[in-house]
Amino acid sequence: MSADRCVIVLTTMPTEEAALDLAQTLIAERLAACVNILPEMRSVYRWEGRVEQGSEHQVVMKTTPGKVAALHARVEALHPYAVAEILDIPASGGGEAYLNWVAESAG
């Protein structure tokens, strides 16, 4: 099991509908093998010198290292925020069958 076969990419979206639209696009374009949309959460953050808060949905995308740059570009193009959260977490391992599925689905 190799650490360079799967990357988890995180973003947040303001609504469930926006998150679903993003997920469907990324899957249709084979930029991600799977996209999870977590239930609504509260976020507290600093923006333009003020402490703000709002509701968001965490979006968890699984892809291959070779698709990360294209996935980033697509998320940035579709994202409604001026500054989109896009964070990569390299997978340190995983089940062989799952890693093969990610490679096939996002390949």
C-alpha atoms as a PDB file:
ATOM      1  CA  MET A   1       0.000   0.000   0.000  1.00  0.00           C
ATOM      2  CA  SER A   2       1.568   3.194  -1.164  1.00  0.00           C
ATOM      3  CA  ALA A   3       1.139   6.704   0.184  1.00  0.00           C
ATOM      4  CA  ASP A   4       1.210   8.158  -3.312  1.00  0.00           C
ATOM      5  CA  ARG A   5      -1.922   6.464  -4.649  1.00  0.00           C
ATOM      6  CA  CYS A   6      -4.671   8.530  -3.023  1.00  0.00           C
ATOM      7  CA  VAL A   7      -5.096  12.131  -1.929  1.00  0.00           C
ATOM      8  CA  ILE A   8      -7.922  13.471   0.223  1.00  0.00           C
ATOM      9  CA  VAL A   9      -8.881  17.027  -0.708  1.00  0.00           C
ATOM     10  CA  LEU A  10     -11.033  19.183   1.569  1.00  0.00           C
ATOM     11  CA  THR A  11     -13.189  22.199   0.850  1.00  0.00           C
ATOM     12  CA  THR A  12     -16.278  23.804   2.328  1.00  0.00           C
ATOM     13  CA  MET A  13     -19.424  24.954   0.569  1.00  0.00           C
ATOM     14  CA  PRO A  14     -22.099  27.354   1.812  1.00  0.00           C
ATOM     15  CA  THR A  15     -25.094  25.107   1.061  1.00  0.00           C
ATOM     16  CA  GLU A  16     -25.847  21.438   0.578  1.00  0.00           C
ATOM     17  CA  GLU A  17     -27.115  22.175  -2.934  1.00  0.00           C
ATOM     18  CA  ALA A  18     -23.837  23.872  -3.889  1.00  0.00           C
ATOM     19  CA  ALA A  19     -21.894  20.956  -2.406  1.00  0.00           C
ATOM     20  CA  LEU A  20     -23.989  18.429  -4.358  1.00  0.00           C
ATOM     21  CA  ASP A  21     -23.527  20.369  -7.597  1.00  0.00           C
ATOM     22  CA  LEU A  22     -19.757  20.427  -7.047  1.00  0.00           C
ATOM     23  CA  ALA A  23     -19.676  16.717  -6.187  1.00  0.00           C
ATOM     24  CA  GLN A  24     -21.665  15.711  -9.256  1.00  0.00           C
ATOM     25  CA  THR A  25     -19.418  17.775 -11.535  1.00  0.00           C
ATOM     26  CA  LEU A  26     -16.203  16.351 -10.074  1.00  0.00           C
ATOM     27  CA  ILE A  27     -17.470  12.773 -10.371  1.00  0.00           C
ATOM     28  CA  ALA A  28     -18.821  13.280 -13.903  1.00  0.00           C
ATOM     29  CA  GLU A  29     -15.489  14.767 -14.990  1.00  0.00           C
ATOM     30  CA  ARG A  30     -13.554  11.920 -13.287  1.00  0.00           C
ATOM     31  CA  LEU A  31     -11.586  14.351 -11.138  1.00  0.00           C
ATOM     32  CA  ALA A  32     -12.609  12.520  -7.965  1.00  0.00           C
ATOM     33  CA  ALA A  33     -13.547   8.927  -7.253  1.00  0.00           C
ATOM     34  CA  CYS A  34     -15.813   9.829  -4.349  1.00  0.00           C
ATOM     35  CA  VAL A  35     -17.079  13.007  -2.705  1.00  0.00           C
ATOM     36  CA  ASN A  36     -18.545  13.050   0.794  1.00  0.00           C
ATOM     37  CA  ILE A  37     -20.718  15.927   1.956  1.00  0.00           C
ATOM     38  CA  LEU A  38     -20.951  16.258   5.704  1.00  0.00           C
ATOM     39  CA  PRO A  39     -23.993  17.714   7.477  1.00  0.00           C
ATOM     40  CA  GLU A  40     -24.228  21.427   8.098  1.00  0.00           C
ATOM     41  CA  MET A  41     -21.697  22.770  10.581  1.00  0.00           C
ATOM     42  CA  ARG A  42     -20.866  26.159  12.077  1.00  0.00           C
ATOM     43  CA  SER A  43     -17.616  27.819  11.085  1.00  0.00           C
ATOM     44  CA  VAL A  44     -15.949  30.680  12.953  1.00  0.00           C
ATOM     45  CA  TYR A  45     -13.198  32.502  11.061  1.00  0.00           C
ATOM     46  CA  ARG A  46     -11.445  35.805  10.540  1.00  0.00           C
ATOM     47  CA  TRP A  47     -12.330  37.650   7.326  1.00  0.00           C
ATOM     48  CA  GLU A  48     -11.309  41.182   6.379  1.00  0.00           C
ATOM     49  CA  GLY A  49     -10.244  41.955   9.954  1.00  0.00           C
ATOM     50  CA  ARG A  50     -13.440  40.756  11.627  1.00  0.00           C
ATOM     51  CA  VAL A  51     -14.437  37.540  13.343  1.00  0.00           C
ATOM     52  CA  GLU A  52     -17.281  36.010  11.344  1.00  0.00           C
ATOM     53  CA  GLN A  53     -19.374  32.873  11.593  1.00  0.00           C
ATOM     54  CA  GLY A  54     -21.652  30.993   9.281  1.00  0.00           C
ATOM     55  CA  SER A  55     -23.050  27.649   8.232  1.00  0.00           C
ATOM     56  CA  GLU A  56     -21.126  25.443   5.816  1.00  0.00           C
ATOM     57  CA  HIS A  57     -20.816  21.865   4.606  1.00  0.00           C
ATOM     58  CA  GLN A  58     -17.450  20.110   4.705  1.00  0.00           C
ATOM     59  CA  VAL A  59     -16.721  18.409   1.388  1.00  0.00           C
ATOM     60  CA  VAL A  60     -14.236  15.513   1.337  1.00  0.00           C
ATOM     61  CA  MET A  61     -12.935  14.441  -2.070  1.00  0.00           C
ATOM     62  CA  LYS A  62     -10.816  11.377  -2.830  1.00  0.00           C
ATOM     63  CA  THR A  63      -8.623  11.452  -5.926  1.00  0.00           C
ATOM     64  CA  THR A  64      -5.283  10.386  -7.345  1.00  0.00           C
ATOM     65  CA  PRO A  65      -2.098  12.463  -7.192  1.00  0.00           C
ATOM     66  CA  GLY A  66      -2.229  12.954 -10.951  1.00  0.00           C
ATOM     67  CA  LYS A  67      -5.675  14.575 -10.741  1.00  0.00           C
ATOM     68  CA  VAL A  68      -5.007  16.951  -7.823  1.00  0.00           C
ATOM     69  CA  ALA A  69      -4.037  19.996  -9.920  1.00  0.00           C
ATOM     70  CA  ALA A  70      -7.052  19.635 -12.230  1.00  0.00           C
ATOM     71  CA  LEU A  71      -9.354  19.079  -9.247  1.00  0.00           C
ATOM     72  CA  HIS A  72      -7.991  22.227  -7.570  1.00  0.00           C
ATOM     73  CA  ALA A  73      -8.572  24.257 -10.727  1.00  0.00           C
ATOM     74  CA  ARG A  74     -12.130  22.986 -11.104  1.00  0.00           C
ATOM     75  CA  VAL A  75     -12.994  23.609  -7.442  1.00  0.00           C
ATOM     76  CA  GLU A  76     -11.596  27.145  -7.694  1.00  0.00           C
ATOM     77  CA  ALA A  77     -13.576  27.781 -10.900  1.00  0.00           C
ATOM     78  CA  LEU A  78     -16.865  26.565  -9.392  1.00  0.00           C
ATOM     79  CA  HIS A  79     -16.448  27.796  -5.825  1.00  0.00           C
ATOM     80  CA  PRO A  80     -18.592  30.753  -4.703  1.00  0.00           C
ATOM     81  CA  TYR A  81     -16.129  32.050  -2.096  1.00  0.00           C
ATOM     82  CA  ALA A  82     -13.463  34.667  -2.871  1.00  0.00           C
ATOM     83  CA  VAL A  83     -10.959  32.410  -1.096  1.00  0.00           C
ATOM     84  CA  ALA A  84     -11.869  28.733  -1.273  1.00  0.00           C
ATOM     85  CA  GLU A  85     -10.556  26.258   1.273  1.00  0.00           C
ATOM     86  CA  ILE A  86      -8.596  23.665  -0.688  1.00  0.00           C
ATOM     87  CA  LEU A  87      -6.434  21.405   1.444  1.00  0.00           C
ATOM     88  CA  ASP A  88      -4.675  18.201   0.403  1.00  0.00           C
ATOM     89  CA  ILE A  89      -4.103  15.300   2.775  1.00  0.00           C
ATOM     90  CA  PRO A  90      -1.965  12.536   1.268  1.00  0.00           C
ATOM     91  CA  ALA A  91      -3.270   9.122   2.300  1.00  0.00           C
ATOM     92  CA  SER A  92      -0.645   7.183   4.191  1.00  0.00           C
ATOM     93  CA  GLY A  93      -2.043   3.849   3.132  1.00  0.00           C
ATOM     94  CA  GLY A  94      -5.331   2.079   2.739  1.00  0.00           C
ATOM     95  CA  GLY A  95      -6.988  -1.049   1.523  1.00  0.00           C
ATOM     96  CA  GLU A  96      -5.579  -2.316  -1.735  1.00  0.00           C
ATOM     97  CA  ALA A  97      -9.024  -2.820  -3.283  1.00  0.00           C
ATOM     98  CA  TYR A  98     -10.114   0.702  -2.312  1.00  0.00           C
ATOM     99  CA  LEU A  99      -6.933   2.305  -3.650  1.00  0.00           C
ATOM    100  CA  ASN A 100      -7.380   0.417  -6.927  1.00  0.00           C
ATOM    101  CA  TRP A 101     -10.992   1.642  -7.113  1.00  0.00           C
ATOM    102  CA  VAL A 102      -9.904   5.269  -6.571  1.00  0.00           C
ATOM    103  CA  ALA A 103      -7.306   4.939  -9.326  1.00  0.00           C
ATOM    104  CA  GLU A 104      -9.860   3.400 -11.705  1.00  0.00           C
ATOM    105  CA  SER A 105     -12.689   5.829 -10.872  1.00  0.00           C
ATOM    106  CA  ALA A 106     -10.646   9.026 -11.075  1.00  0.00           C
ATOM    107  CA  GLY A 107      -8.344   7.782 -13.811  1.00  0.00           C
END
